C-alpha atoms as a PDB file:
ATOM      1  CA  UNK A   1      49.518  43.789  65.982  1.00  0.00           C
ATOM      2  CA  UNK A   2      50.280  46.834  67.679  1.00  0.00           C
ATOM      3  CA  UNK A   3      53.642  48.786  66.214  1.00  0.00           C
ATOM      4  CA  UNK A   4      55.825  48.472  69.226  1.00  0.00           C
ATOM      5  CA  UNK A   5      58.834  48.321  67.254  1.00  0.00           C
ATOM      6  CA  UNK A   6      58.593  52.383  66.685  1.00  0.00           C
ATOM      7  CA  UNK A   7      61.457  53.402  69.342  1.00  0.00           C
ATOM      8  CA  UNK A   8      63.352  49.469  68.123  1.00  0.00           C
ATOM      9  CA  UNK A   9      63.062  49.945  64.669  1.00  0.00           C
ATOM     10  CA  UNK A  10      66.855  50.005  64.305  1.00  0.00           C
ATOM     11  CA  UNK A  11      67.070  46.106  63.513  1.00  0.00           C
ATOM     12  CA  UNK A  12      66.207  47.228  59.770  1.00  0.00           C
ATOM     13  CA  UNK A  13      69.571  49.320  59.407  1.00  0.00           C
ATOM     14  CA  UNK A  14      73.019  48.875  60.166  1.00  0.00           C
ATOM     15  CA  UNK A  15      73.861  50.701  63.229  1.00  0.00           C
ATOM     16  CA  UNK A  16      76.921  53.263  63.282  1.00  0.00           C
ATOM     17  CA  UNK A  17      77.992  53.056  66.427  1.00  0.00           C
ATOM     18  CA  UNK A  18      80.518  56.530  66.735  1.00  0.00           C
ATOM     19  CA  UNK A  19      83.545  54.899  68.922  1.00  0.00           C
ATOM     20  CA  UNK A  20      85.425  58.918  68.453  1.00  0.00           C
ATOM     21  CA  UNK A  21      82.033  60.341  69.594  1.00  0.00           C
ATOM     22  CA  UNK A  22      81.255  58.213  72.733  1.00  0.00           C
ATOM     23  CA  UNK A  23      84.653  58.230  74.272  1.00  0.00           C
ATOM     24  CA  UNK A  24      84.002  61.961  73.803  1.00  0.00           C
ATOM     25  CA  UNK A  25      81.387  62.091  76.001  1.00  0.00           C
ATOM     26  CA  UNK A  26      82.604  59.259  78.462  1.00  0.00           C
ATOM     27  CA  UNK A  27      85.789  61.446  79.134  1.00  0.00           C
ATOM     28  CA  UNK A  28      83.416  64.654  79.536  1.00  0.00           C
ATOM     29  CA  UNK A  29      81.553  62.548  82.289  1.00  0.00           C
ATOM     30  CA  UNK A  30      84.207  62.084  83.971  1.00  0.00           C
ATOM     31  CA  UNK A  31      85.712  65.659  83.964  1.00  0.00           C
ATOM     32  CA  UNK A  32      82.585  66.548  85.482  1.00  0.00           C
ATOM     33  CA  UNK A  33      83.015  64.133  88.510  1.00  0.00           C
ATOM     34  CA  UNK A  34      84.091  66.349  91.054  1.00  0.00           C
ATOM     35  CA  UNK A  35      87.801  66.551  92.309  1.00  0.00           C
ATOM     36  CA  UNK A  36      88.718  63.585  89.787  1.00  0.00           C
ATOM     37  CA  UNK A  37      91.298  63.991  87.709  1.00  0.00           C
ATOM     38  CA  UNK A  38      90.255  62.192  84.083  1.00  0.00           C
ATOM     39  CA  UNK A  39      93.989  62.327  83.130  1.00  0.00           C
ATOM     40  CA  UNK A  40      95.064  59.994  85.762  1.00  0.00           C
ATOM     41  CA  UNK A  41      96.665  56.232  84.663  1.00  0.00           C
ATOM     42  CA  UNK A  42      93.720  54.285  85.814  1.00  0.00           C
ATOM     43  CA  UNK A  43      91.371  56.756  83.411  1.00  0.00           C
ATOM     44  CA  UNK A  44      93.278  56.949  80.495  1.00  0.00           C
ATOM     45  CA  UNK A  45      92.178  54.410  78.587  1.00  0.00           C
ATOM     46  CA  UNK A  46      88.642  54.491  80.107  1.00  0.00           C
ATOM     47  CA  UNK A  47      86.728  56.182  77.505  1.00  0.00           C
ATOM     48  CA  UNK A  48      87.739  53.868  74.773  1.00  0.00           C
ATOM     49  CA  UNK A  49      86.815  50.836  76.991  1.00  0.00           C
ATOM     50  CA  UNK A  50      83.377  52.156  78.065  1.00  0.00           C
ATOM     51  CA  UNK A  51      83.093  52.753  74.058  1.00  0.00           C
ATOM     52  CA  UNK A  52      83.554  49.440  72.863  1.00  0.00           C
ATOM     53  CA  UNK A  53      81.812  48.040  75.760  1.00  0.00           C
ATOM     54  CA  UNK A  54      78.340  50.033  74.447  1.00  0.00           C
ATOM     55  CA  UNK A  55      79.284  48.313  71.492  1.00  0.00           C
ATOM     56  CA  UNK A  56      78.302  45.074  72.910  1.00  0.00           C
ATOM     57  CA  UNK A  57      75.978  45.941  75.736  1.00  0.00           C
ATOM     58  CA  UNK A  58      73.922  47.293  72.627  1.00  0.00           C
ATOM     59  CA  UNK A  59      74.380  44.798  70.041  1.00  0.00           C
ATOM     60  CA  UNK A  60      70.707  43.500  69.604  1.00  0.00           C
ATOM     61  CA  UNK A  61      69.898  46.953  67.763  1.00  0.00           C
ATOM     62  CA  UNK A  62      71.540  44.883  65.208  1.00  0.00           C
ATOM     63  CA  UNK A  63      70.021  41.918  65.360  1.00  0.00           C
ATOM     64  CA  UNK A  64      67.320  40.717  63.269  1.00  0.00           C
ATOM     65  CA  UNK A  65      64.231  38.895  64.750  1.00  0.00           C
ATOM     66  CA  UNK A  66      63.021  37.788  61.506  1.00  0.00           C
ATOM     67  CA  UNK A  67      66.266  36.410  60.282  1.00  0.00           C
ATOM     68  CA  UNK A  68      66.615  34.673  64.209  1.00  0.00           C
ATOM     69  CA  UNK A  69      63.353  32.765  63.449  1.00  0.00           C
ATOM     70  CA  UNK A  70      63.654  32.108  60.000  1.00  0.00           C
ATOM     71  CA  UNK A  71      64.698  28.433  59.918  1.00  0.00           C
ATOM     72  CA  UNK A  72      61.697  26.670  60.679  1.00  0.00           C
ATOM     73  CA  UNK A  73      60.247  23.132  60.903  1.00  0.00           C
ATOM     74  CA  UNK A  74      56.892  21.542  60.329  1.00  0.00           C
ATOM     75  CA  UNK A  75      55.116  20.073  63.545  1.00  0.00           C
ATOM     76  CA  UNK A  76      53.751  16.606  62.664  1.00  0.00           C
ATOM     77  CA  UNK A  77      50.666  15.508  64.673  1.00  0.00           C
ATOM     78  CA  UNK A  78      49.428  17.173  67.766  1.00  0.00           C
ATOM     79  CA  UNK A  79      51.353  20.126  69.249  1.00  0.00           C
ATOM     80  CA  UNK A  80      53.296  19.766  71.969  1.00  0.00           C
ATOM     81  CA  UNK A  81      54.308  22.434  74.296  1.00  0.00           C
ATOM     82  CA  UNK A  82      57.956  24.001  74.114  1.00  0.00           C
ATOM     83  CA  UNK A  83      59.260  25.373  77.233  1.00  0.00           C
ATOM     84  CA  UNK A  84      63.050  27.043  77.257  1.00  0.00           C
ATOM     85  CA  UNK A  85      64.296  27.962  80.836  1.00  0.00           C
ATOM     86  CA  UNK A  86      66.409  29.898  82.608  1.00  0.00           C
ATOM     87  CA  UNK A  87      67.997  31.854  79.545  1.00  0.00           C
ATOM     88  CA  UNK A  88      70.421  34.417  81.396  1.00  0.00           C
ATOM     89  CA  UNK A  89      70.177  37.825  79.749  1.00  0.00           C
ATOM     90  CA  UNK A  90      71.673  41.212  80.444  1.00  0.00           C
ATOM     91  CA  UNK A  91      69.739  44.655  79.337  1.00  0.00           C
ATOM     92  CA  UNK A  92      70.170  48.424  80.223  1.00  0.00           C
ATOM     93  CA  UNK A  93      67.594  50.034  81.868  1.00  0.00           C
ATOM     94  CA  UNK A  94      66.213  52.833  79.355  1.00  0.00           C
ATOM     95  CA  UNK A  95      65.643  55.197  82.520  1.00  0.00           C
ATOM     96  CA  UNK A  96      68.781  55.231  84.416  1.00  0.00           C
ATOM     97  CA  UNK A  97      71.315  53.206  81.847  1.00  0.00           C
ATOM     98  CA  UNK A  98      72.314  50.827  84.636  1.00  0.00           C
ATOM     99  CA  UNK A  99      72.094  47.159  84.103  1.00  0.00           C
ATOM    100  CA  UNK A 100      69.313  44.704  84.867  1.00  0.00           C
ATOM    101  CA  UNK A 101      69.849  41.097  84.622  1.00  0.00           C
ATOM    102  CA  UNK A 102      68.308  37.742  85.404  1.00  0.00           C
ATOM    103  CA  UNK A 103      66.449  34.822  83.505  1.00  0.00           C
ATOM    104  CA  UNK A 104      63.854  34.557  80.843  1.00  0.00           C
ATOM    105  CA  UNK A 105      61.406  31.196  80.458  1.00  0.00           C
ATOM    106  CA  UNK A 106      59.725  31.119  76.850  1.00  0.00           C
ATOM    107  CA  UNK A 107      56.878  28.878  76.088  1.00  0.00           C
ATOM    108  CA  UNK A 108      54.998  28.607  72.746  1.00  0.00           C
ATOM    109  CA  UNK A 109      52.339  25.585  71.580  1.00  0.00           C
ATOM    110  CA  UNK A 110      52.634  25.515  68.015  1.00  0.00           C
ATOM    111  CA  UNK A 111      49.206  24.954  66.099  1.00  0.00           C
ATOM    112  CA  UNK A 112      48.487  21.705  64.615  1.00  0.00           C
ATOM    113  CA  UNK A 113      50.810  21.496  61.381  1.00  0.00           C
ATOM    114  CA  UNK A 114      52.656  24.705  62.701  1.00  0.00           C
ATOM    115  CA  UNK A 115      56.145  25.688  62.823  1.00  0.00           C
ATOM    116  CA  UNK A 116      58.789  25.199  65.649  1.00  0.00           C
ATOM    117  CA  UNK A 117      62.225  26.613  65.606  1.00  0.00           C
ATOM    118  CA  UNK A 118      65.416  25.062  67.176  1.00  0.00           C
ATOM    119  CA  UNK A 119      65.635  25.666  70.742  1.00  0.00           C
ATOM    120  CA  UNK A 120      68.987  28.072  70.785  1.00  0.00           C
ATOM    121  CA  UNK A 121      66.525  30.399  68.519  1.00  0.00           C
ATOM    122  CA  UNK A 122      64.517  31.436  71.597  1.00  0.00           C
ATOM    123  CA  UNK A 123      67.844  32.349  73.303  1.00  0.00           C
ATOM    124  CA  UNK A 124      69.234  34.334  70.204  1.00  0.00           C
ATOM    125  CA  UNK A 125      65.428  35.895  70.533  1.00  0.00           C
ATOM    126  CA  UNK A 126      65.999  37.091  73.692  1.00  0.00           C
ATOM    127  CA  UNK A 127      69.719  38.637  73.304  1.00  0.00           C
ATOM    128  CA  UNK A 128      68.120  40.361  70.034  1.00  0.00           C
ATOM    129  CA  UNK A 129      65.984  42.322  72.431  1.00  0.00           C
ATOM    130  CA  UNK A 130      67.648  42.361  75.770  1.00  0.00           C
ATOM    131  CA  UNK A 131      70.876  44.076  74.349  1.00  0.00           C
ATOM    132  CA  UNK A 132      68.773  47.474  74.418  1.00  0.00           C
ATOM    133  CA  UNK A 133      68.198  50.263  76.090  1.00  0.00           C
ATOM    134  CA  UNK A 134      65.026  48.584  77.408  1.00  0.00           C
ATOM    135  CA  UNK A 135      62.697  48.182  80.309  1.00  0.00           C
ATOM    136  CA  UNK A 136      61.464  44.722  81.495  1.00  0.00           C
ATOM    137  CA  UNK A 137      57.957  44.979  80.594  1.00  0.00           C
ATOM    138  CA  UNK A 138      58.562  45.751  76.625  1.00  0.00           C
ATOM    139  CA  UNK A 139      61.196  43.236  76.669  1.00  0.00           C
ATOM    140  CA  UNK A 140      58.712  40.529  77.296  1.00  0.00           C
ATOM    141  CA  UNK A 141      56.100  41.978  75.033  1.00  0.00           C
ATOM    142  CA  UNK A 142      58.924  41.797  71.875  1.00  0.00           C
ATOM    143  CA  UNK A 143      59.896  38.395  72.407  1.00  0.00           C
ATOM    144  CA  UNK A 144      55.677  37.314  72.504  1.00  0.00           C
ATOM    145  CA  UNK A 145      54.872  39.341  69.126  1.00  0.00           C
ATOM    146  CA  UNK A 146      57.851  38.247  67.249  1.00  0.00           C
ATOM    147  CA  UNK A 147      57.112  34.475  68.034  1.00  0.00           C
ATOM    148  CA  UNK A 148      53.538  35.283  67.250  1.00  0.00           C
ATOM    149  CA  UNK A 149      54.506  37.043  64.011  1.00  0.00           C
ATOM    150  CA  UNK A 150      56.814  34.670  62.844  1.00  0.00           C
ATOM    151  CA  UNK A 151      55.808  31.387  64.252  1.00  0.00           C
ATOM    152  CA  UNK A 152      52.158  32.022  64.161  1.00  0.00           C
ATOM    153  CA  UNK A 153      51.594  29.369  67.401  1.00  0.00           C
ATOM    154  CA  UNK A 154      48.661  28.664  69.357  1.00  0.00           C
ATOM    155  CA  UNK A 155      50.111  29.866  72.589  1.00  0.00           C
ATOM    156  CA  UNK A 156      53.092  31.832  73.804  1.00  0.00           C
ATOM    157  CA  UNK A 157      53.918  32.863  77.649  1.00  0.00           C
ATOM    158  CA  UNK A 158      57.326  34.834  78.390  1.00  0.00           C
ATOM    159  CA  UNK A 159      58.364  35.287  82.111  1.00  0.00           C
ATOM    160  CA  UNK A 160      61.086  37.051  83.184  1.00  0.00           C
ATOM    161  CA  UNK A 161      62.792  37.354  86.537  1.00  0.00           C
ATOM    162  CA  UNK A 162      65.381  40.110  86.677  1.00  0.00           C
ATOM    163  CA  UNK A 163      67.201  42.070  89.513  1.00  0.00           C
ATOM    164  CA  UNK A 164      67.326  45.795  88.347  1.00  0.00           C
ATOM    165  CA  UNK A 165      70.254  47.922  89.748  1.00  0.00           C
ATOM    166  CA  UNK A 166      68.388  51.169  89.385  1.00  0.00           C
ATOM    167  CA  UNK A 167      66.706  49.898  92.577  1.00  0.00           C
ATOM    168  CA  UNK A 168      69.279  47.828  94.414  1.00  0.00           C
ATOM    169  CA  UNK A 169      72.545  49.294  93.726  1.00  0.00           C
ATOM    170  CA  UNK A 170      70.935  53.166  93.982  1.00  0.00           C
ATOM    171  CA  UNK A 171      67.891  54.852  94.895  1.00  0.00           C
ATOM    172  CA  UNK A 172      65.925  52.684  97.348  1.00  0.00           C
ATOM    173  CA  UNK A 173      69.125  50.413  97.613  1.00  0.00           C
ATOM    174  CA  UNK A 174      67.308  46.792  98.299  1.00  0.00           C
ATOM    175  CA  UNK A 175      69.304  44.195  96.970  1.00  0.00           C
ATOM    176  CA  UNK A 176      68.315  40.815  96.204  1.00  0.00           C
ATOM    177  CA  UNK A 177      65.035  42.496  94.907  1.00  0.00           C
ATOM    178  CA  UNK A 178      63.992  40.764  91.773  1.00  0.00           C
ATOM    179  CA  UNK A 179      60.865  41.608  89.720  1.00  0.00           C
ATOM    180  CA  UNK A 180      58.872  39.328  87.761  1.00  0.00           C
ATOM    181  CA  UNK A 181      56.687  40.042  84.515  1.00  0.00           C
ATOM    182  CA  UNK A 182      54.633  37.583  82.408  1.00  0.00           C
ATOM    183  CA  UNK A 183      53.617  38.528  79.105  1.00  0.00           C
ATOM    184  CA  UNK A 184      51.259  36.303  76.950  1.00  0.00           C
ATOM    185  CA  UNK A 185      49.340  35.302  73.753  1.00  0.00           C
ATOM    186  CA  UNK A 186      46.670  32.880  73.169  1.00  0.00           C
ATOM    187  CA  UNK A 187      45.121  32.542  69.553  1.00  0.00           C
ATOM    188  CA  UNK A 188      41.759  32.716  69.375  1.00  0.00           C
ATOM    189  CA  UNK A 189      39.774  31.633  66.123  1.00  0.00           C
ATOM    190  CA  UNK A 190      37.667  34.538  64.698  1.00  0.00           C
ATOM    191  CA  UNK A 191      34.049  33.489  64.439  1.00  0.00           C
ATOM    192  CA  UNK A 192      31.531  34.277  61.724  1.00  0.00           C
ATOM    193  CA  UNK A 193      27.952  34.132  62.268  1.00  0.00           C
END
């Protein structure tokens, strides 16, 4: 499997969210806005609020997908398709650091005698990868790859539909437009000749 985790490997270590450093950066940003007074009453607490907000928005860096998918159950009998639809998520586009949000549908088919996880674990897995600087295409691939690595299923399909504010609130300014991506995996047995 390719190493798609190279730029998101932080879930192996506790992330040090340096609140005071982040507050300074936000204050400098506010001071850089022409004719804005960063010391006015409405903005005095803004650097602190934004610094704390980023802790929540990027909480996925502290989540470990191995732990999320560790409680597994063996499938008895013929495998069936498992789908959890409309898992709502919020993420931050790594190109403009603006939100993108929408829904994820996760479908997988375990192998005969294979493993499944509790349905809520799939929603937690989405959060693990969505709560990071992200692009939609990588988000789908990371969800699929984590399920393949941890559950070794026959099939996985992840469909994401999202609105990107970097496209709807700036730039081309097309509110309501959505992007849909589909990422899939199908197990193929090795053929021996």
